[in-house]
Protein backbone atom coordinates (compact mmCIF):
# COMPACT_ATOMS: atom_id res chain seq x y z
CA MET A 1 0.21 -0.20 0.24
CA ASN A 2 0.90 3.71 -0.70
CA GLN A 3 -1.26 5.05 2.15
CA LYS A 4 0.02 3.50 5.73
CA PHE A 5 -2.77 2.93 8.60
CA SER A 6 -1.84 2.42 12.56
CA SER A 7 -4.38 0.34 13.37
CA PRO A 8 -7.24 -2.00 11.50
CA SER A 9 -9.53 0.70 12.73
CA ASP A 10 -8.67 3.53 10.74
CA VAL A 11 -9.52 1.15 7.58
CA ASP A 12 -13.29 -0.19 9.84
CA SER A 13 -13.86 3.72 9.84
CA ILE A 14 -12.89 4.37 6.17
CA LEU A 15 -14.84 1.31 5.62
CA GLN A 16 -17.96 2.36 7.20
CA ARG A 17 -17.83 6.27 5.62
CA LEU A 18 -17.63 5.39 2.44
CA HIS A 19 -20.62 3.70 2.97
CA ALA A 20 -22.68 6.50 4.66
CA ALA A 21 -21.38 9.08 2.39
CA MET A 22 -22.65 7.15 -0.94
CA PRO A 23 -26.62 8.45 -2.10
CA GLU A 24 -29.14 6.68 -1.77
CA GLU A 25 -30.07 6.45 -5.03
CA GLY A 26 -26.05 5.49 -5.28
CA LEU A 27 -23.83 7.29 -7.89
CA PHE A 28 -24.66 5.25 -11.26
CA SER A 29 -27.76 2.95 -12.61
CA GLU A 30 -27.35 -0.70 -12.04
CA LYS A 31 -23.94 -0.37 -11.81
CA SER A 32 -21.02 -0.80 -8.73
CA TRP A 33 -17.03 -1.25 -8.43
CA ARG A 34 -15.10 -1.63 -6.14
CA GLN A 35 -14.15 0.52 -3.26
CA SER A 36 -10.35 1.39 -1.98
CA PRO A 37 -9.35 2.79 0.89
CA GLU A 38 -6.79 5.06 -0.56
CA PRO A 39 -6.25 7.27 -3.85
CA PHE A 40 -4.24 6.82 -6.87
CA PHE A 41 -1.31 8.69 -5.27
CA ILE A 42 1.00 10.90 -8.55
CA SER A 43 3.36 13.09 -8.02
CA PRO A 44 3.77 16.94 -8.41
CA GLU A 45 5.45 16.53 -11.47
CA PHE A 46 2.75 14.23 -13.42
CA LYS A 47 0.27 16.47 -11.63
CA LYS A 48 2.02 19.37 -13.77
CA SER A 49 2.05 18.01 -16.49
CA LEU A 50 -1.89 16.93 -16.48
CA GLU A 51 -2.32 20.56 -16.09
CA GLN A 52 -0.45 21.31 -19.11
CA LEU A 53 -1.97 18.52 -20.76
CA GLY A 54 -5.44 20.23 -20.43
CA HIS A 55 -4.45 24.24 -22.09
CA ARG A 56 -2.93 22.17 -24.93
CA LEU A 57 -5.69 19.53 -25.57
CA HIS A 58 -7.71 22.37 -25.83
CA GLN A 59 -5.86 24.51 -28.20
CA PHE A 60 -6.15 21.12 -30.10
CA ASN A 61 -9.93 21.10 -29.85
CA LYS A 62 -9.90 25.48 -31.10
CA ALA A 63 -7.75 24.14 -33.85
CA CYS A 64 -10.55 21.15 -34.81
CA ASP A 65 -13.07 23.63 -34.81
CA LEU A 66 -11.46 26.47 -37.36
CA LEU A 67 -10.40 22.93 -39.97
CA TYR A 68 -13.82 22.18 -40.22
CA ARG A 69 -14.78 25.94 -40.51
CA LEU A 70 -11.59 25.99 -42.53
CA SER A 71 -12.81 23.27 -45.20
CA ILE A 72 -16.36 24.72 -45.55
CA GLU A 73 -15.57 28.36 -46.56
CA GLY A 74 -13.03 26.23 -48.86
CA ARG A 75 -9.30 27.90 -47.75
CA GLN A 76 -9.08 23.72 -46.84
CA PRO A 77 -9.32 20.80 -49.00
CA ASP A 78 -13.44 20.11 -48.80
CA TRP A 79 -12.97 16.59 -48.08
CA ILE A 80 -12.53 17.48 -44.68
CA ALA A 81 -16.11 18.55 -44.53
CA GLU A 82 -16.91 16.15 -45.58
CA LEU A 83 -15.58 12.73 -44.20
CA LEU A 84 -16.65 14.92 -41.39
CA GLU A 85 -20.84 15.03 -41.86
CA GLN A 86 -21.23 11.40 -43.38
CA GLY A 87 -24.25 9.57 -41.93
CA LYS A 88 -25.45 12.65 -40.52
CA PRO A 89 -28.72 13.99 -41.07
CA ALA A 90 -28.63 17.41 -43.06
CA GLU A 91 -30.62 19.84 -40.00
CA LEU A 92 -27.29 18.56 -37.08
CA ILE A 93 -25.21 19.58 -40.34
CA LYS A 94 -27.51 23.06 -40.33
CA LEU A 95 -26.48 23.17 -36.52
CA ALA A 96 -22.52 22.83 -36.97
CA ARG A 97 -22.44 25.21 -39.60
CA ALA A 98 -24.46 27.77 -37.73
CA LYS A 99 -22.62 31.25 -37.65
CA ILE A 100 -24.12 31.05 -34.00
CA PHE A 101 -22.04 28.27 -32.81
CA GLN A 102 -18.62 29.94 -34.25
CA GLY A 103 -15.45 29.19 -32.35
CA GLU A 104 -17.54 27.69 -29.59
CA THR A 105 -15.42 23.63 -27.70
CA ALA A 106 -16.57 22.29 -25.37
CA CYS A 107 -15.60 23.23 -21.56
CA VAL A 108 -15.80 20.46 -19.94
CA ILE A 109 -13.38 18.01 -21.57
CA ARG A 110 -11.67 14.66 -20.83
CA PRO A 111 -9.60 12.79 -22.33
CA ASP A 112 -8.52 9.03 -21.57
CA LEU A 113 -5.73 8.53 -20.38
CA LEU A 114 -2.83 5.50 -20.79
CA MET A 115 0.44 4.74 -18.31
CA THR A 116 2.23 3.44 -20.84
CA GLU A 117 5.86 2.25 -20.80
CA GLU A 118 6.32 5.03 -23.04
CA GLY A 119 4.43 7.81 -21.03
CA LEU A 120 1.02 8.77 -21.33
CA LYS A 121 -1.20 8.30 -24.39
CA ILE A 122 -4.86 9.29 -25.09
CA CYS A 123 -7.50 6.68 -26.01
CA GLU A 124 -10.35 9.56 -26.77
CA LEU A 125 -10.70 12.83 -26.08
CA ASP A 126 -14.24 13.43 -24.79
CA ASN A 127 -16.38 16.44 -24.50
CA ILE A 128 -19.54 14.68 -23.24
CA PRO A 129 -17.94 13.28 -20.31
CA GLY A 130 -19.57 10.88 -17.45
CA GLY A 131 -18.26 10.63 -13.90
CA ILE A 132 -17.95 14.77 -13.12
CA GLY A 133 -20.53 13.88 -9.96
CA LEU A 134 -18.66 10.33 -8.97
CA THR A 135 -15.48 12.05 -8.73
CA ALA A 136 -16.59 15.25 -7.19
CA TRP A 137 -18.35 12.47 -4.75
CA LEU A 138 -14.34 10.74 -4.41
CA GLN A 139 -13.02 14.44 -3.75
CA GLU A 140 -15.36 14.67 -1.06
CA VAL A 141 -14.89 10.93 0.47
CA HIS A 142 -10.78 10.66 0.21
CA SER A 143 -10.59 14.34 1.61
CA SER A 144 -12.15 13.86 4.53
CA PHE A 145 -9.79 10.84 5.03
CA GLY A 146 -7.29 13.05 4.23
CA ALA A 147 -6.01 12.18 1.23
CA GLU A 148 -4.07 15.38 -1.10
CA VAL A 149 -6.37 15.05 -4.13
CA VAL A 150 -6.55 16.53 -7.33
CA GLY A 151 -8.09 19.20 -7.80
CA GLY A 152 -9.18 20.41 -3.84
CA SER A 153 -12.11 18.69 -2.14
CA HIS A 154 -14.76 20.59 -4.25
CA GLY A 155 -12.72 20.51 -7.30
CA MET A 156 -15.49 19.94 -9.41
CA LEU A 157 -18.06 21.91 -7.95
CA GLU A 158 -16.38 24.78 -8.63
CA GLY A 159 -15.21 23.93 -11.83
CA PHE A 160 -18.65 22.79 -12.64
CA CYS A 161 -20.46 25.85 -10.97
CA SER A 162 -17.43 28.14 -13.40
CA ILE A 163 -18.41 26.99 -16.77
CA ILE A 164 -22.77 27.17 -15.40
CA PRO A 165 -23.14 29.41 -12.77
CA GLY A 166 -26.47 28.19 -12.16
CA GLY A 167 -28.68 26.53 -15.06
CA ASP A 168 -30.38 23.76 -16.84
CA ILE A 169 -29.19 20.30 -16.93
CA ILE A 170 -30.52 18.07 -19.40
CA VAL A 171 -30.11 14.25 -19.49
CA SER A 172 -30.93 11.97 -21.51
CA GLU A 173 -32.66 8.41 -21.67
CA GLU A 174 -30.12 6.44 -23.77
CA ALA A 175 -27.67 8.80 -20.95
CA SER A 176 -30.03 7.44 -17.79
CA THR A 177 -27.18 5.34 -16.42
CA TYR A 178 -25.74 8.49 -15.07
CA ARG A 179 -28.29 10.10 -13.74
CA PRO A 180 -28.09 9.20 -9.81
CA GLU A 181 -23.89 11.18 -10.24
CA MET A 182 -25.64 13.76 -11.90
CA LYS A 183 -28.47 14.43 -8.92
CA TYR A 184 -25.85 13.98 -6.33
CA LEU A 185 -23.78 16.59 -8.44
CA VAL A 186 -26.77 19.37 -8.85
CA ARG A 187 -28.21 18.46 -4.88
CA ARG A 188 -24.32 19.09 -4.08
CA LEU A 189 -23.92 22.51 -6.39
CA HIS A 190 -27.51 23.89 -4.69
CA GLU A 191 -25.72 23.11 -0.88
CA GLN A 192 -22.13 24.32 -1.64
CA PHE A 193 -23.51 27.47 -3.36
CA PRO A 194 -27.12 28.16 -1.84
CA GLU A 195 -27.47 31.45 -4.17
CA LYS A 196 -26.90 29.97 -6.76
CA LYS A 197 -30.15 27.17 -8.54
CA TRP A 198 -29.47 24.33 -11.08
CA ARG A 199 -32.34 22.01 -12.66
CA LEU A 200 -31.50 18.22 -14.21
CA LEU A 201 -34.13 17.87 -16.53
CA SER A 202 -35.36 15.09 -18.76
CA GLU A 203 -35.43 15.30 -22.46
CA GLN A 204 -39.59 15.57 -22.44
CA HIS A 205 -38.66 18.55 -20.53
CA GLN A 206 -40.27 21.78 -22.64
CA GLU A 207 -41.09 24.39 -20.15
CA LYS A 208 -39.25 27.68 -20.08
CA TRP A 209 -35.59 27.25 -19.96
CA ALA A 210 -32.69 28.53 -18.05
CA SER A 211 -30.53 31.14 -19.92
CA GLN A 212 -27.63 28.82 -19.53
CA VAL A 213 -28.03 25.06 -20.44
CA TYR A 214 -25.54 21.62 -20.16
CA ARG A 215 -26.24 19.00 -22.64
CA PHE A 216 -25.84 15.88 -20.96
CA PHE A 217 -27.16 13.86 -24.64
CA GLU A 218 -25.49 12.80 -27.85
CA LEU A 219 -26.29 14.14 -31.18
CA PHE A 220 -27.46 10.65 -32.63
CA ASP A 221 -29.60 10.32 -30.34
CA LEU A 222 -32.00 13.96 -31.20
CA PRO A 223 -34.81 11.49 -32.33
CA ASN A 224 -35.53 10.35 -28.80
CA ILE A 225 -34.76 14.19 -27.46
CA PRO A 226 -38.12 16.03 -27.90
CA CYS A 227 -36.85 18.75 -26.15
CA ALA A 228 -33.90 19.27 -28.32
CA HIS A 229 -35.74 20.91 -31.76
CA ASP A 230 -36.80 23.36 -29.19
CA LEU A 231 -33.62 23.96 -26.95
CA PHE A 232 -31.58 24.60 -30.11
CA GLU A 233 -33.86 26.89 -31.81
CA ARG A 234 -33.28 29.30 -28.63
CA ALA A 235 -29.46 28.38 -28.80
CA LEU A 236 -29.65 30.25 -32.71
CA ALA A 237 -32.11 32.42 -31.66
CA LYS A 238 -29.71 33.41 -28.81
CA GLU A 239 -32.17 33.18 -26.02
CA ILE A 240 -30.47 30.75 -24.79
CA SER A 241 -26.12 28.97 -24.48
CA ILE A 242 -25.81 25.72 -24.36
CA THR A 243 -22.73 24.21 -23.72
CA PRO A 244 -21.15 21.23 -25.18
CA PRO A 245 -22.64 23.40 -28.67
CA PRO A 246 -24.35 21.67 -31.75
CA LYS A 247 -21.35 20.08 -33.52
CA PRO A 248 -21.26 16.78 -34.47
CA GLN A 249 -17.99 17.73 -36.09
CA LEU A 250 -16.32 17.67 -32.38
CA GLU A 251 -16.90 14.29 -31.00
CA GLU A 252 -15.26 12.12 -34.09
CA LYS A 253 -11.79 10.26 -32.90
CA LEU A 254 -11.50 10.33 -36.12
CA TRP A 255 -9.71 13.84 -35.50
CA PHE A 256 -6.60 11.67 -34.32
CA ALA A 257 -6.25 10.87 -37.80
CA LEU A 258 -6.57 13.84 -38.76
CA PHE A 259 -3.54 14.99 -36.59
CA TRP A 260 -1.21 13.27 -37.96
CA MET A 261 -1.70 13.62 -41.92
CA LYS A 262 0.96 15.30 -43.73
CA PRO A 263 -0.78 17.10 -45.94
CA LEU A 264 -2.70 19.39 -42.78
CA GLN A 265 0.85 19.32 -41.08
CA GLU A 266 1.12 22.92 -41.71
CA PHE A 267 -1.81 23.25 -39.95
CA TRP A 268 -0.96 21.96 -36.98
CA ILE A 269 2.29 23.81 -36.22
CA ARG A 270 0.40 27.24 -37.18
CA GLU A 271 -2.44 27.18 -34.79
CA LEU A 272 -0.69 24.82 -31.75
CA SER A 273 2.79 26.33 -32.15
CA GLN A 274 5.85 23.93 -33.51
CA ARG A 275 6.22 22.54 -29.75
CA GLY A 276 2.43 22.31 -29.12
CA TRP A 277 2.33 19.33 -31.91
CA GLU A 278 4.98 18.01 -31.03
CA GLN A 279 4.04 17.02 -26.92
CA LEU A 280 0.51 16.19 -28.47
CA LYS A 281 2.18 13.80 -31.24
CA LYS A 282 3.53 11.78 -27.63
CA VAL A 283 0.71 11.68 -26.01
CA ILE A 284 -1.91 10.87 -29.30
CA PRO A 285 -1.53 7.52 -30.88
CA TYR A 286 -0.91 7.82 -34.38
CA THR A 287 -4.54 6.61 -36.40
CA TRP A 288 -5.32 5.78 -39.37
CA ILE A 289 -8.49 6.22 -41.25
CA LEU A 290 -10.45 3.12 -42.32
CA ASN A 291 -11.49 4.56 -45.73
CA PRO A 292 -12.60 1.54 -48.44
CA SER A 293 -11.16 3.72 -51.37
CA PRO A 294 -7.83 1.96 -53.71
CA LEU A 295 -4.47 3.85 -53.12
CA PRO A 296 -2.46 4.92 -56.43
CA PRO A 297 -0.39 1.82 -57.22
CA ASN A 298 2.60 3.53 -56.31
CA ALA A 299 0.95 4.75 -52.31
CA VAL A 300 1.47 2.96 -48.84
CA TYR A 301 -0.46 3.74 -45.63
CA PRO A 302 2.15 5.56 -43.43
CA GLN A 303 4.31 3.82 -40.87
CA LEU A 304 1.95 0.40 -41.50
CA GLU A 305 3.82 -0.29 -44.92
CA VAL A 306 1.38 -1.89 -46.95
CA GLN A 307 -0.13 -0.22 -50.25
CA SER A 308 -3.89 -2.28 -48.83
CA TRP A 309 -6.57 -3.43 -45.79
CA ASN A 310 -6.76 -6.63 -47.36
CA GLU A 311 -2.85 -7.04 -46.60
CA VAL A 312 -3.72 -5.27 -42.92
CA ALA A 313 -6.33 -8.43 -42.56
CA GLN A 314 -3.92 -10.92 -43.41
CA PHE A 315 -1.30 -8.87 -40.25
CA SER A 316 0.47 -11.88 -38.30
CA GLN A 317 -0.82 -11.82 -34.41
CA ARG A 318 2.89 -9.82 -32.92
CA GLU A 319 1.41 -7.06 -36.70
CA ARG A 320 -1.86 -6.97 -34.97
CA ASN A 321 -1.18 -4.33 -32.30
CA LEU A 322 -3.93 -2.25 -33.23
CA VAL A 323 -7.73 -1.57 -32.45
CA ILE A 324 -11.05 -0.70 -34.32
CA LYS A 325 -12.67 1.78 -33.17
CA ILE A 326 -15.66 3.56 -34.25
CA SER A 327 -15.49 6.95 -35.21
CA GLY A 328 -18.74 8.39 -33.54
CA PHE A 329 -22.69 9.72 -34.56
CA ASP A 330 -23.37 5.80 -32.95
CA GLU A 331 -25.09 4.55 -30.03
CA ARG A 332 -21.93 2.09 -30.21
CA ALA A 333 -18.97 4.95 -30.34
CA TRP A 334 -18.95 5.05 -26.21
CA GLY A 335 -17.91 2.58 -23.04
CA SER A 336 -15.92 0.07 -25.31
CA ARG A 337 -18.91 -1.04 -27.98
CA SER A 338 -16.87 -1.36 -31.44
CA VAL A 339 -13.71 -1.85 -29.99
CA VAL A 340 -11.49 -4.92 -31.70
CA ILE A 341 -8.26 -5.17 -30.52
CA GLY A 342 -6.62 -6.92 -33.51
CA SER A 343 -3.57 -8.89 -31.12
CA ASP A 344 -7.05 -10.37 -28.84
CA SER A 345 -8.46 -11.34 -31.85
CA SER A 346 -8.61 -14.88 -34.38
CA LYS A 347 -7.41 -14.09 -38.11
CA GLN A 348 -10.60 -14.38 -39.38
CA GLU A 349 -12.35 -12.29 -36.28
CA TRP A 350 -10.23 -9.74 -37.09
CA GLY A 351 -10.32 -10.00 -41.16
CA GLU A 352 -14.35 -9.67 -40.32
CA ALA A 353 -14.25 -6.33 -38.50
CA LEU A 354 -11.57 -4.75 -40.55
CA ALA A 355 -14.43 -5.83 -43.60
CA LYS A 356 -17.65 -4.60 -41.34
CA ALA A 357 -15.46 -1.24 -40.58
CA LEU A 358 -14.61 -0.90 -43.98
CA GLY A 359 -18.10 -1.66 -44.92
CA GLU A 360 -19.80 1.68 -42.95
CA PHE A 361 -17.63 4.00 -44.16
CA PRO A 362 -19.88 5.82 -46.12
CA GLU A 363 -22.64 5.89 -43.05
CA HIS A 364 -20.23 5.40 -40.05
CA PRO A 365 -16.97 6.50 -39.82
CA HIS A 366 -14.15 4.09 -38.01
CA ILE A 367 -10.16 4.49 -37.31
CA LEU A 368 -7.78 2.15 -36.75
CA GLN A 369 -5.57 3.49 -33.92
CA VAL A 370 -2.21 1.61 -32.83
CA PHE A 371 -3.03 -0.45 -29.48
CA HIS A 372 -0.79 0.93 -26.32
CA HIS A 373 -0.87 -1.29 -23.12
CA SER A 374 -1.54 -0.13 -19.65
CA LEU A 375 1.33 -0.24 -17.38
CA VAL A 376 0.29 -2.44 -14.18
CA HIS A 377 -0.29 -0.78 -10.78
CA GLU A 378 -0.95 -2.62 -7.34
CA HIS A 379 -3.62 -1.23 -6.18
CA SER A 380 -5.75 -1.98 -2.55
CA TYR A 381 -9.63 -2.18 -2.18
CA PHE A 382 -12.11 -4.35 -0.22
CA ASN A 383 -13.22 -7.26 -1.32
CA ASP A 384 -16.75 -9.40 -0.31
CA ASP A 385 -15.70 -9.60 3.62
CA GLN A 386 -14.40 -5.91 3.53
CA GLU A 387 -10.90 -7.12 3.98
CA VAL A 388 -8.17 -4.79 2.24
CA VAL A 389 -6.82 -7.11 -0.02
CA MET A 390 -4.51 -5.75 -3.55
CA MET A 391 -5.07 -5.84 -7.35
CA LYS A 392 -2.87 -5.99 -10.03
CA GLY A 393 -4.11 -3.47 -12.29
CA ARG A 394 -4.16 -1.41 -15.18
CA VAL A 395 -5.12 2.45 -14.87
CA ARG A 396 -7.00 4.69 -17.13
CA LEU A 397 -6.95 7.86 -15.65
CA THR A 398 -9.35 10.63 -16.75
CA PRO A 399 -9.10 14.26 -15.48
CA TYR A 400 -11.20 16.20 -16.02
CA TYR A 401 -10.62 19.86 -17.14
CA PHE A 402 -13.33 23.10 -17.51
CA ILE A 403 -13.08 25.94 -19.48
CA THR A 404 -13.86 29.76 -18.69
CA ASP A 405 -12.37 33.02 -21.08
CA GLN A 406 -9.61 30.60 -21.92
CA LYS A 407 -8.57 29.38 -18.51
CA ILE A 408 -8.31 25.73 -18.20
CA ASN A 409 -9.02 24.09 -14.81
CA LEU A 410 -8.24 20.68 -14.07
CA GLY A 411 -11.54 19.87 -12.13
CA GLY A 412 -10.05 16.65 -10.35
CA ALA A 413 -9.12 13.18 -11.88
CA LEU A 414 -11.32 9.53 -11.99
CA ALA A 415 -8.76 6.46 -11.86
CA THR A 416 -10.03 3.65 -13.07
CA ILE A 417 -8.08 0.47 -11.97
CA CYS A 418 -9.33 -2.76 -14.15
CA PRO A 419 -7.98 -5.83 -13.24
CA ALA A 420 -4.49 -6.80 -14.77
CA ASP A 421 -6.13 -9.20 -17.35
CA LYS A 422 -8.76 -7.29 -18.85
CA LYS A 423 -7.28 -5.13 -22.60
CA LEU A 424 -10.03 -2.57 -22.51
CA LEU A 425 -10.31 -0.40 -19.61
CA HIS A 426 -13.25 1.47 -18.81
CA GLY A 427 -15.54 1.15 -15.25
CA MET A 428 -17.10 -2.84 -14.95
CA SER A 429 -18.35 -4.25 -11.51
CA ASP A 430 -14.62 -5.67 -11.26
CA ALA A 431 -12.32 -2.29 -11.25
CA ILE A 432 -11.37 -0.08 -8.40
CA LEU A 433 -12.35 3.71 -8.86
CA VAL A 434 -10.84 6.35 -7.13
CA PRO A 435 -9.91 9.98 -7.46
CA ALA A 436 -6.42 10.53 -7.97
CA SER A 437 -4.05 12.16 -5.17
CA LEU A 438 -0.72 13.94 -4.13
CA ARG A 439 1.62 11.81 -2.53
CA SER A 440 2.04 13.26 1.04
């Protein structure tokens, strides 16, 4: 253990306080995880690198928004906007192009980070992240145990209040798993900032809106969001502000592939700076768009050094250190639902997954990405007998950045520690969920 306890009674006290602090409705609908008496410890230097990463990722988001707009205006290649708009309905594309939202990006961003031998690697950058309420709860509880958690005991509450200082939060049925944690978040916001008011609403809301609205629903789900039309119409009329803005193009994973494209290198360096571009190259895995269009006979896919996807389908297991993911705008785009890891698949399974992804390109583009293995850590947790035992696990670290007036604040960081035999790292019943904390 990284944290020492003076007696078994200390551990018993922590377990009792964890149980007592849990909201009656829980934090996730019908989901559980393993509790731990200690947070995930990081160094002050590591925390500083996380803070710097937030700035770089916000600049990346802004650059993505600009590149899309320049493509629409004909000042960058047309194919960029065409690719980002594939499979999306005309009314949503109209919203994506609306000048009223020009320059706006998400006010909360959360990268999914893996800790590898090569350093931090980003699986994806989430513009509508879950876990805000959960991380706020973990911050408060572990702070009460004496831990110096990242963001402080109220970092997530203060961060959320900074972007929505009172307003409406819409949680859709599709995102209902997260409704309990958002309910907890709203309750704690009212307790912490009694002079401000928030409402937690469903997709059925038809009454007057607050002046500021937080959208916690995916844009692919609009047919099931009755209030969406009125919400966006009022935003277009400047009657309300909404975050994240209705820009489905910014919620695509294929931006990582665009980042690595040689023809766009000059743009990225200009917008991110040479240093920023080089730093992001260290954390963004090399990514390709699974486009079935054939290459010219004298061309190959960079780094793969093959001329066709058929050759990738024939890769040996050792060569298949790759992962397939749907890019976005689909219910399979979250929770690892579309993820296929090449090294864990048979050659037949790999070939079928690749063929399926290529076949869906016109409506649902997929990406191919280098797969990075997370390092194994040991961490304590309470087992079913309420004893503290150790588990070897792989960590997914998810820092939450709140953005106001170009100021990027690291509100907190959640560590999801999955059993070491798991390759896909996400919330699961046998994962440990704890806040990141500075080592004292």
